[in-house]
Amino acid sequence: MPEGATVKATAAFGGVAVIVPKGWRITVRATPVLGGVDDKTDRGQPPPENAPSLHVDAMALFGGVDIKHEK
């Protein structure tokens, strides 16, 4: 199984977009403080069993973190 990656994203008074390839497993740990963290990835089909994983550790302080696929 591919190992994948970890991203630490902090948004303070602004925004951060985390662009994720389709087919990856995504886990999110979020700490929103008067802000928000939104996982906008496609959850229609589960990724393959051997898919790489991405863990997003997000902090939103008066801002936002969006996790999404490239258009």
PDB file of N, CA and C in Angstrom:
ATOM      1  N   MET A   1       0.845  -1.186   0.000  1.00  0.00           N
ATOM      2  CA  MET A   1       0.000   0.000   0.000  1.00  0.00           C
ATOM      3  C   MET A   1       0.887   1.246   0.000  1.00  0.00           C
ATOM      4  N   PRO A   2       0.631   2.205  -0.886  1.00  0.00           N
ATOM      5  CA  PRO A   2       1.398   3.447  -0.861  1.00  0.00           C
ATOM      6  C   PRO A   2       1.158   4.184   0.454  1.00  0.00           C
ATOM      7  N   GLU A   3       2.191   4.875   0.919  1.00  0.00           N
ATOM      8  CA  GLU A   3       2.098   5.532   2.214  1.00  0.00           C
ATOM      9  C   GLU A   3       1.197   6.754   2.197  1.00  0.00           C
ATOM     10  N   GLY A   4       1.300   7.576   1.195  1.00  0.00           N
ATOM     11  CA  GLY A   4       0.492   8.777   1.161  1.00  0.00           C
ATOM     12  C   GLY A   4       1.236   9.972   1.718  1.00  0.00           C
ATOM     13  N   ALA A   5       0.470  10.904   2.319  1.00  0.00           N
ATOM     14  CA  ALA A   5       1.075  12.158   2.767  1.00  0.00           C
ATOM     15  C   ALA A   5       0.257  12.765   3.896  1.00  0.00           C
ATOM     16  N   THR A   6       0.880  13.722   4.578  1.00  0.00           N
ATOM     17  CA  THR A   6       0.209  14.508   5.611  1.00  0.00           C
ATOM     18  C   THR A   6       0.394  15.980   5.283  1.00  0.00           C
ATOM     19  N   VAL A   7      -0.683  16.755   5.414  1.00  0.00           N
ATOM     20  CA  VAL A   7      -0.642  18.192   5.161  1.00  0.00           C
ATOM     21  C   VAL A   7      -1.127  18.897   6.423  1.00  0.00           C
ATOM     22  N   LYS A   8      -0.366  19.884   6.868  1.00  0.00           N
ATOM     23  CA  LYS A   8      -0.811  20.750   7.954  1.00  0.00           C
ATOM     24  C   LYS A   8      -1.179  22.087   7.319  1.00  0.00           C
ATOM     25  N   ALA A   9      -2.452  22.458   7.428  1.00  0.00           N
ATOM     26  CA  ALA A   9      -2.946  23.686   6.804  1.00  0.00           C
ATOM     27  C   ALA A   9      -3.499  24.612   7.880  1.00  0.00           C
ATOM     28  N   THR A  10      -3.004  25.854   7.890  1.00  0.00           N
ATOM     29  CA  THR A  10      -3.486  26.853   8.845  1.00  0.00           C
ATOM     30  C   THR A  10      -3.969  28.076   8.083  1.00  0.00           C
ATOM     31  N   ALA A  11      -5.213  28.454   8.328  1.00  0.00           N
ATOM     32  CA  ALA A  11      -5.776  29.658   7.718  1.00  0.00           C
ATOM     33  C   ALA A  11      -6.079  30.650   8.835  1.00  0.00           C
ATOM     34  N   ALA A  12      -5.475  31.817   8.757  1.00  0.00           N
ATOM     35  CA  ALA A  12      -5.727  32.874   9.732  1.00  0.00           C
ATOM     36  C   ALA A  12      -6.140  34.132   8.971  1.00  0.00           C
ATOM     37  N   PHE A  13      -7.384  34.541   9.136  1.00  0.00           N
ATOM     38  CA  PHE A  13      -7.923  35.723   8.465  1.00  0.00           C
ATOM     39  C   PHE A  13      -7.826  35.604   6.938  1.00  0.00           C
ATOM     40  N   GLY A  14      -8.012  34.399   6.424  1.00  0.00           N
ATOM     41  CA  GLY A  14      -7.952  34.174   4.986  1.00  0.00           C
ATOM     42  C   GLY A  14      -8.364  32.752   4.685  1.00  0.00           C
ATOM     43  N   GLY A  15      -7.909  32.241   3.566  1.00  0.00           N
ATOM     44  CA  GLY A  15      -8.307  30.903   3.165  1.00  0.00           C
ATOM     45  C   GLY A  15      -7.161  30.079   2.616  1.00  0.00           C
ATOM     46  N   VAL A  16      -7.319  28.771   2.735  1.00  0.00           N
ATOM     47  CA  VAL A  16      -6.358  27.807   2.203  1.00  0.00           C
ATOM     48  C   VAL A  16      -7.144  26.760   1.423  1.00  0.00           C
ATOM     49  N   ALA A  17      -6.662  26.405   0.239  1.00  0.00           N
ATOM     50  CA  ALA A  17      -7.264  25.330  -0.548  1.00  0.00           C
ATOM     51  C   ALA A  17      -6.258  24.189  -0.640  1.00  0.00           C
ATOM     52  N   VAL A  18      -6.679  23.004  -0.233  1.00  0.00           N
ATOM     53  CA  VAL A  18      -5.848  21.802  -0.344  1.00  0.00           C
ATOM     54  C   VAL A  18      -6.419  21.006  -1.511  1.00  0.00           C
ATOM     55  N   ILE A  19      -5.637  20.875  -2.584  1.00  0.00           N
ATOM     56  CA  ILE A  19      -6.076  20.167  -3.788  1.00  0.00           C
ATOM     57  C   ILE A  19      -5.584  18.721  -3.700  1.00  0.00           C
ATOM     58  N   VAL A  20      -6.526  17.781  -3.790  1.00  0.00           N
ATOM     59  CA  VAL A  20      -6.240  16.362  -3.596  1.00  0.00           C
ATOM     60  C   VAL A  20      -6.525  15.595  -4.888  1.00  0.00           C
ATOM     61  N   PRO A  21      -5.628  14.695  -5.302  1.00  0.00           N
ATOM     62  CA  PRO A  21      -5.931  13.867  -6.470  1.00  0.00           C
ATOM     63  C   PRO A  21      -7.129  12.959  -6.194  1.00  0.00           C
ATOM     64  N   LYS A  22      -7.931  12.705  -7.223  1.00  0.00           N
ATOM     65  CA  LYS A  22      -9.052  11.774  -7.061  1.00  0.00           C
ATOM     66  C   LYS A  22      -8.505  10.378  -6.795  1.00  0.00           C
ATOM     67  N   GLY A  23      -9.232   9.620  -6.009  1.00  0.00           N
ATOM     68  CA  GLY A  23      -8.842   8.243  -5.732  1.00  0.00           C
ATOM     69  C   GLY A  23      -8.007   8.077  -4.469  1.00  0.00           C
ATOM     70  N   TRP A  24      -7.727   9.164  -3.754  1.00  0.00           N
ATOM     71  CA  TRP A  24      -6.972   9.071  -2.494  1.00  0.00           C
ATOM     72  C   TRP A  24      -7.945   8.949  -1.329  1.00  0.00           C
ATOM     73  N   ARG A  25      -7.524   8.257  -0.284  1.00  0.00           N
ATOM     74  CA  ARG A  25      -8.274   8.224   0.978  1.00  0.00           C
ATOM     75  C   ARG A  25      -7.942   9.499   1.747  1.00  0.00           C
ATOM     76  N   ILE A  26      -8.949  10.131   2.317  1.00  0.00           N
ATOM     77  CA  ILE A  26      -8.735  11.402   2.992  1.00  0.00           C
ATOM     78  C   ILE A  26      -9.271  11.315   4.424  1.00  0.00           C
ATOM     79  N   THR A  27      -8.425  11.709   5.357  1.00  0.00           N
ATOM     80  CA  THR A  27      -8.868  11.869   6.745  1.00  0.00           C
ATOM     81  C   THR A  27      -8.554  13.306   7.143  1.00  0.00           C
ATOM     82  N   VAL A  28      -9.420  13.861   7.971  1.00  0.00           N
ATOM     83  CA  VAL A  28      -9.277  15.267   8.358  1.00  0.00           C
ATOM     84  C   VAL A  28      -9.388  15.392   9.874  1.00  0.00           C
ATOM     85  N   ARG A  29      -8.464  16.143  10.445  1.00  0.00           N
ATOM     86  CA  ARG A  29      -8.578  16.568  11.837  1.00  0.00           C
ATOM     87  C   ARG A  29      -8.620  18.083  11.785  1.00  0.00           C
ATOM     88  N   ALA A  30      -9.705  18.660  12.318  1.00  0.00           N
ATOM     89  CA  ALA A  30      -9.908  20.099  12.155  1.00  0.00           C
ATOM     90  C   ALA A  30     -10.093  20.787  13.498  1.00  0.00           C
ATOM     91  N   THR A  31      -9.535  22.004  13.573  1.00  0.00           N
ATOM     92  CA  THR A  31      -9.743  22.884  14.707  1.00  0.00           C
ATOM     93  C   THR A  31     -10.205  24.234  14.163  1.00  0.00           C
ATOM     94  N   PRO A  32     -11.527  24.431  14.059  1.00  0.00           N
ATOM     95  CA  PRO A  32     -12.029  25.719  13.599  1.00  0.00           C
ATOM     96  C   PRO A  32     -12.292  26.654  14.781  1.00  0.00           C
ATOM     97  N   VAL A  33     -11.771  27.867  14.697  1.00  0.00           N
ATOM     98  CA  VAL A  33     -12.010  28.895  15.705  1.00  0.00           C
ATOM     99  C   VAL A  33     -12.586  30.106  14.964  1.00  0.00           C
ATOM    100  N   LEU A  34     -13.902  30.259  15.026  1.00  0.00           N
ATOM    101  CA  LEU A  34     -14.597  31.296  14.263  1.00  0.00           C
ATOM    102  C   LEU A  34     -14.213  31.240  12.786  1.00  0.00           C
ATOM    103  N   GLY A  35     -14.077  30.022  12.281  1.00  0.00           N
ATOM    104  CA  GLY A  35     -13.760  29.754  10.886  1.00  0.00           C
ATOM    105  C   GLY A  35     -14.330  28.397  10.533  1.00  0.00           C
ATOM    106  N   GLY A  36     -13.896  27.822   9.425  1.00  0.00           N
ATOM    107  CA  GLY A  36     -14.436  26.524   9.034  1.00  0.00           C
ATOM    108  C   GLY A  36     -13.473  25.704   8.206  1.00  0.00           C
ATOM    109  N   VAL A  37     -13.683  24.392   8.256  1.00  0.00           N
ATOM    110  CA  VAL A  37     -12.928  23.440   7.444  1.00  0.00           C
ATOM    111  C   VAL A  37     -13.969  22.622   6.687  1.00  0.00           C
ATOM    112  N   ASP A  38     -13.843  22.567   5.346  1.00  0.00           N
ATOM    113  CA  ASP A  38     -14.845  21.933   4.502  1.00  0.00           C
ATOM    114  C   ASP A  38     -14.189  20.930   3.571  1.00  0.00           C
ATOM    115  N   ASP A  39     -14.601  19.664   3.680  1.00  0.00           N
ATOM    116  CA  ASP A  39     -14.119  18.610   2.782  1.00  0.00           C
ATOM    117  C   ASP A  39     -15.078  18.527   1.608  1.00  0.00           C
ATOM    118  N   LYS A  40     -14.661  19.051   0.457  1.00  0.00           N
ATOM    119  CA  LYS A  40     -15.504  19.091  -0.739  1.00  0.00           C
ATOM    120  C   LYS A  40     -15.134  17.998  -1.748  1.00  0.00           C
ATOM    121  N   THR A  41     -14.379  16.998  -1.313  1.00  0.00           N
ATOM    122  CA  THR A  41     -13.980  15.929  -2.229  1.00  0.00           C
ATOM    123  C   THR A  41     -15.170  15.042  -2.546  1.00  0.00           C
ATOM    124  N   ASP A  42     -15.083  14.328  -3.660  1.00  0.00           N
ATOM    125  CA  ASP A  42     -16.141  13.437  -4.123  1.00  0.00           C
ATOM    126  C   ASP A  42     -16.156  12.188  -3.241  1.00  0.00           C
ATOM    127  N   ARG A  43     -17.230  12.007  -2.512  1.00  0.00           N
ATOM    128  CA  ARG A  43     -17.367  10.839  -1.632  1.00  0.00           C
ATOM    129  C   ARG A  43     -18.334   9.815  -2.218  1.00  0.00           C
ATOM    130  N   GLY A  44     -18.630   9.921  -3.525  1.00  0.00           N
ATOM    131  CA  GLY A  44     -19.580   9.022  -4.170  1.00  0.00           C
ATOM    132  C   GLY A  44     -19.121   7.583  -4.204  1.00  0.00           C
ATOM    133  N   GLN A  45     -17.880   7.352  -4.557  1.00  0.00           N
ATOM    134  CA  GLN A  45     -17.333   6.001  -4.634  1.00  0.00           C
ATOM    135  C   GLN A  45     -16.155   5.887  -3.696  1.00  0.00           C
ATOM    136  N   PRO A  46     -16.078   4.803  -2.916  1.00  0.00           N
ATOM    137  CA  PRO A  46     -14.902   4.653  -2.053  1.00  0.00           C
ATOM    138  C   PRO A  46     -13.649   4.421  -2.904  1.00  0.00           C
ATOM    139  N   PRO A  47     -12.512   4.924  -2.455  1.00  0.00           N
ATOM    140  CA  PRO A  47     -11.277   4.715  -3.222  1.00  0.00           C
ATOM    141  C   PRO A  47     -10.865   3.247  -3.183  1.00  0.00           C
ATOM    142  N   PRO A  48     -10.017   2.822  -4.119  1.00  0.00           N
ATOM    143  CA  PRO A  48      -9.543   1.438  -4.123  1.00  0.00           C
ATOM    144  C   PRO A  48      -8.840   1.096  -2.807  1.00  0.00           C
ATOM    145  N   GLU A  49      -8.810  -0.170  -2.481  1.00  0.00           N
ATOM    146  CA  GLU A  49      -8.205  -0.615  -1.226  1.00  0.00           C
ATOM    147  C   GLU A  49      -6.724  -0.249  -1.120  1.00  0.00           C
ATOM    148  N   ASN A  50      -6.029  -0.214  -2.220  1.00  0.00           N
ATOM    149  CA  ASN A  50      -4.588   0.096  -2.211  1.00  0.00           C
ATOM    150  C   ASN A  50      -4.304   1.580  -2.484  1.00  0.00           C
ATOM    151  N   ALA A  51      -5.325   2.423  -2.344  1.00  0.00           N
ATOM    152  CA  ALA A  51      -5.170   3.859  -2.627  1.00  0.00           C
ATOM    153  C   ALA A  51      -4.267   4.519  -1.587  1.00  0.00           C
ATOM    154  N   PRO A  52      -3.469   5.498  -2.021  1.00  0.00           N
ATOM    155  CA  PRO A  52      -2.673   6.258  -1.045  1.00  0.00           C
ATOM    156  C   PRO A  52      -3.600   7.087  -0.163  1.00  0.00           C
ATOM    157  N   SER A  53      -3.086   7.497   0.973  1.00  0.00           N
ATOM    158  CA  SER A  53      -3.924   8.259   1.896  1.00  0.00           C
ATOM    159  C   SER A  53      -3.345   9.647   2.128  1.00  0.00           C
ATOM    160  N   LEU A  54      -4.236  10.574   2.415  1.00  0.00           N
ATOM    161  CA  LEU A  54      -3.837  11.930   2.758  1.00  0.00           C
ATOM    162  C   LEU A  54      -4.502  12.281   4.074  1.00  0.00           C
ATOM    163  N   HIS A  55      -3.701  12.680   5.043  1.00  0.00           N
ATOM    164  CA  HIS A  55      -4.251  13.160   6.313  1.00  0.00           C
ATOM    165  C   HIS A  55      -4.074  14.676   6.328  1.00  0.00           C
ATOM    166  N   VAL A  56      -5.165  15.393   6.538  1.00  0.00           N
ATOM    167  CA  VAL A  56      -5.131  16.849   6.599  1.00  0.00           C
ATOM    168  C   VAL A  56      -5.373  17.265   8.047  1.00  0.00           C
ATOM    169  N   ASP A  57      -4.401  17.954   8.611  1.00  0.00           N
ATOM    170  CA  ASP A  57      -4.496  18.512   9.953  1.00  0.00           C
ATOM    171  C   ASP A  57      -4.716  20.003   9.761  1.00  0.00           C
ATOM    172  N   ALA A  58      -5.960  20.468   9.965  1.00  0.00           N
ATOM    173  CA  ALA A  58      -6.328  21.830   9.587  1.00  0.00           C
ATOM    174  C   ALA A  58      -6.691  22.683  10.803  1.00  0.00           C
ATOM    175  N   MET A  59      -6.254  23.943  10.755  1.00  0.00           N
ATOM    176  CA  MET A  59      -6.597  24.949  11.761  1.00  0.00           C
ATOM    177  C   MET A  59      -7.140  26.156  11.019  1.00  0.00           C
ATOM    178  N   ALA A  60      -8.353  26.577  11.368  1.00  0.00           N
ATOM    179  CA  ALA A  60      -8.968  27.734  10.723  1.00  0.00           C
ATOM    180  C   ALA A  60      -9.292  28.766  11.795  1.00  0.00           C
ATOM    181  N   LEU A  61      -8.590  29.871  11.771  1.00  0.00           N
ATOM    182  CA  LEU A  61      -8.760  30.946  12.734  1.00  0.00           C
ATOM    183  C   LEU A  61      -9.268  32.172  11.989  1.00  0.00           C
ATOM    184  N   PHE A  62     -10.559  32.454  12.101  1.00  0.00           N
ATOM    185  CA  PHE A  62     -11.184  33.549  11.367  1.00  0.00           C
ATOM    186  C   PHE A  62     -10.962  33.403   9.853  1.00  0.00           C
ATOM    187  N   GLY A  63     -10.925  32.170   9.370  1.00  0.00           N
ATOM    188  CA  GLY A  63     -10.714  31.908   7.948  1.00  0.00           C
ATOM    189  C   GLY A  63     -11.273  30.544   7.600  1.00  0.00           C
ATOM    190  N   GLY A  64     -10.844  30.002   6.477  1.00  0.00           N
ATOM    191  CA  GLY A  64     -11.369  28.716   6.051  1.00  0.00           C
ATOM    192  C   GLY A  64     -10.334  27.855   5.354  1.00  0.00           C
ATOM    193  N   VAL A  65     -10.501  26.552   5.495  1.00  0.00           N
ATOM    194  CA  VAL A  65      -9.681  25.565   4.780  1.00  0.00           C
ATOM    195  C   VAL A  65     -10.646  24.704   3.967  1.00  0.00           C
ATOM    196  N   ASP A  66     -10.443  24.659   2.639  1.00  0.00           N
ATOM    197  CA  ASP A  66     -11.239  23.819   1.738  1.00  0.00           C
ATOM    198  C   ASP A  66     -10.359  22.697   1.233  1.00  0.00           C
ATOM    199  N   ILE A  67     -10.890  21.487   1.294  1.00  0.00           N
ATOM    200  CA  ILE A  67     -10.210  20.302   0.768  1.00  0.00           C
ATOM    201  C   ILE A  67     -11.036  19.851  -0.423  1.00  0.00           C
ATOM    202  N   LYS A  68     -10.410  19.841  -1.620  1.00  0.00           N
ATOM    203  CA  LYS A  68     -11.183  19.565  -2.825  1.00  0.00           C
ATOM    204  C   LYS A  68     -10.313  18.951  -3.909  1.00  0.00           C
ATOM    205  N   HIS A  69     -10.985  18.473  -4.954  1.00  0.00           N
ATOM    206  CA  HIS A  69     -10.295  17.941  -6.129  1.00  0.00           C
ATOM    207  C   HIS A  69     -10.053  19.078  -7.128  1.00  0.00           C
ATOM    208  N   GLU A  70      -9.033  18.899  -7.958  1.00  0.00           N
ATOM    209  CA  GLU A  70      -8.787  19.868  -9.024  1.00  0.00           C
ATOM    210  C   GLU A  70      -9.923  19.779 -10.029  1.00  0.00           C
ATOM    211  N   LYS A  71     -10.338  20.916 -10.567  1.00  0.00           N
ATOM    212  CA  LYS A  71     -11.445  20.934 -11.550  1.00  0.00           C
ATOM    213  C   LYS A  71     -10.992  20.479 -12.883  1.00  0.00           C
TER     214      LYS A  71
END
